[in-house]
């Protein structure tokens, strides 16, 4: 899943508020042009941020701390390193995100 039961509703609200997806009359979600453009842009950078893998890994590590199998210090450094590396690449390749968005919207910046 994309998170714990307690956080799924908040994720859905955030996705809807940011206009990444819409819900139809049958209560099914459909991505908007913005949502599709963001997925395409991040995927072109080598990150599938629309997939739950990164979040699932972080939650697994946090659960290991809660269960006493690992310490906070053991997990914090590696998690922050992964997030920093992702940030650096996305920041350096932001033009790919711009290109993906421009491919789905006309007259950007006009």
Foldseek 3Di string as FASTA:
>chain_A
DQDDPVCPVVVVVVCVVVQQWDADPVRDIDGDLLVVLQQQLLVVLVDRVVDNVLVVVLVVVVVCCVVVNDPPVVPVVVNVVVVVVSVVSCVVRVVSSVVSSCVSDPPPPD
